[in-house]
Amino acid sequence: MMQKFIDELRQKYIKDPPEGMTPKLVRSITDSDLLDMHYFLTEDDDLGDDEFEEGFYIEFF
């Protein structure tokens, strides 16, 4: 199950690599690095337009 998910992610990012990456680089990264990359690229996708993550924010005036 997990390997199928990893293979699907790899194909997704080979077809449309993130900014600064190439399909060749996506092919060569480890499964663990691929999962980390996916996490960081999608971690805020579940937030609505008017929601913020809890945490520390600096406001500039």
C-alpha atoms as a PDB file:
ATOM      1  CA  MET A   1       0.000   0.000   0.000  1.00  0.00           C
ATOM      2  CA  MET A   2       2.693   2.512   1.005  1.00  0.00           C
ATOM      3  CA  GLN A   3       4.937   1.668  -1.961  1.00  0.00           C
ATOM      4  CA  LYS A   4       2.017   2.201  -4.343  1.00  0.00           C
ATOM      5  CA  PHE A   5       1.429   5.657  -2.820  1.00  0.00           C
ATOM      6  CA  ILE A   6       5.136   6.501  -3.134  1.00  0.00           C
ATOM      7  CA  ASP A   7       5.196   5.361  -6.763  1.00  0.00           C
ATOM      8  CA  GLU A   8       2.127   7.488  -7.550  1.00  0.00           C
ATOM      9  CA  LEU A   9       3.697  10.526  -5.856  1.00  0.00           C
ATOM     10  CA  ARG A  10       6.931  10.037  -7.764  1.00  0.00           C
ATOM     11  CA  GLN A  11       5.042   9.899 -11.072  1.00  0.00           C
ATOM     12  CA  LYS A  12       3.063  13.016 -10.123  1.00  0.00           C
ATOM     13  CA  TYR A  13       6.220  15.001  -9.355  1.00  0.00           C
ATOM     14  CA  ILE A  14       8.076  13.654 -12.408  1.00  0.00           C
ATOM     15  CA  LYS A  15       5.271  14.955 -14.626  1.00  0.00           C
ATOM     16  CA  ASP A  16       5.073  18.284 -12.777  1.00  0.00           C
ATOM     17  CA  PRO A  17       8.191  18.833 -10.659  1.00  0.00           C
ATOM     18  CA  PRO A  18       8.189  21.460  -7.902  1.00  0.00           C
ATOM     19  CA  GLU A  19       9.972  24.726  -8.586  1.00  0.00           C
ATOM     20  CA  GLY A  20      13.729  24.265  -8.575  1.00  0.00           C
ATOM     21  CA  MET A  21      13.585  20.522  -9.308  1.00  0.00           C
ATOM     22  CA  THR A  22      13.794  18.504 -12.497  1.00  0.00           C
ATOM     23  CA  PRO A  23      12.125  15.211 -13.385  1.00  0.00           C
ATOM     24  CA  LYS A  24      15.579  13.579 -13.267  1.00  0.00           C
ATOM     25  CA  LEU A  25      16.092  14.777  -9.697  1.00  0.00           C
ATOM     26  CA  VAL A  26      12.654  13.529  -8.640  1.00  0.00           C
ATOM     27  CA  ARG A  27      13.504  10.103 -10.094  1.00  0.00           C
ATOM     28  CA  SER A  28      16.700   9.919  -8.069  1.00  0.00           C
ATOM     29  CA  ILE A  29      15.604  11.093  -4.595  1.00  0.00           C
ATOM     30  CA  THR A  30      14.941   8.514  -1.896  1.00  0.00           C
ATOM     31  CA  ASP A  31      11.431   7.459  -0.971  1.00  0.00           C
ATOM     32  CA  SER A  32      11.864   9.129   2.409  1.00  0.00           C
ATOM     33  CA  ASP A  33      12.931  12.433   0.821  1.00  0.00           C
ATOM     34  CA  LEU A  34      10.018  12.220  -1.607  1.00  0.00           C
ATOM     35  CA  LEU A  35       7.555  11.801   1.260  1.00  0.00           C
ATOM     36  CA  ASP A  36       9.151  14.702   3.152  1.00  0.00           C
ATOM     37  CA  MET A  37       8.959  16.915   0.071  1.00  0.00           C
ATOM     38  CA  HIS A  38       5.301  16.019  -0.457  1.00  0.00           C
ATOM     39  CA  TYR A  39       4.504  16.779   3.182  1.00  0.00           C
ATOM     40  CA  PHE A  40       6.072  20.227   3.063  1.00  0.00           C
ATOM     41  CA  LEU A  41       4.449  21.060  -0.274  1.00  0.00           C
ATOM     42  CA  THR A  42       0.972  20.091   0.958  1.00  0.00           C
ATOM     43  CA  GLU A  43       1.006  20.730   4.725  1.00  0.00           C
ATOM     44  CA  ASP A  44      -1.264  23.797   4.510  1.00  0.00           C
ATOM     45  CA  ASP A  45      -3.676  22.417   1.898  1.00  0.00           C
ATOM     46  CA  ASP A  46      -6.238  21.474   4.549  1.00  0.00           C
ATOM     47  CA  LEU A  47      -6.590  25.055   5.785  1.00  0.00           C
ATOM     48  CA  GLY A  48      -9.445  27.211   4.520  1.00  0.00           C
ATOM     49  CA  ASP A  49      -8.943  30.655   3.041  1.00  0.00           C
ATOM     50  CA  ASP A  50      -9.586  32.408   6.347  1.00  0.00           C
ATOM     51  CA  GLU A  51      -7.809  29.960   8.652  1.00  0.00           C
ATOM     52  CA  PHE A  52      -4.351  30.258  10.114  1.00  0.00           C
ATOM     53  CA  GLU A  53      -2.148  27.653  11.703  1.00  0.00           C
ATOM     54  CA  GLU A  54      -1.505  28.009  15.377  1.00  0.00           C
ATOM     55  CA  GLY A  55       1.895  29.378  16.043  1.00  0.00           C
ATOM     56  CA  PHE A  56       3.964  32.483  16.323  1.00  0.00           C
ATOM     57  CA  TYR A  57       3.397  35.234  13.799  1.00  0.00           C
ATOM     58  CA  ILE A  58       5.247  38.498  13.418  1.00  0.00           C
ATOM     59  CA  GLU A  59       3.143  41.400  12.255  1.00  0.00           C
ATOM     60  CA  PHE A  60       4.816  44.246  10.433  1.00  0.00           C
ATOM     61  CA  PHE A  61       3.312  47.719  10.404  1.00  0.00           C
END
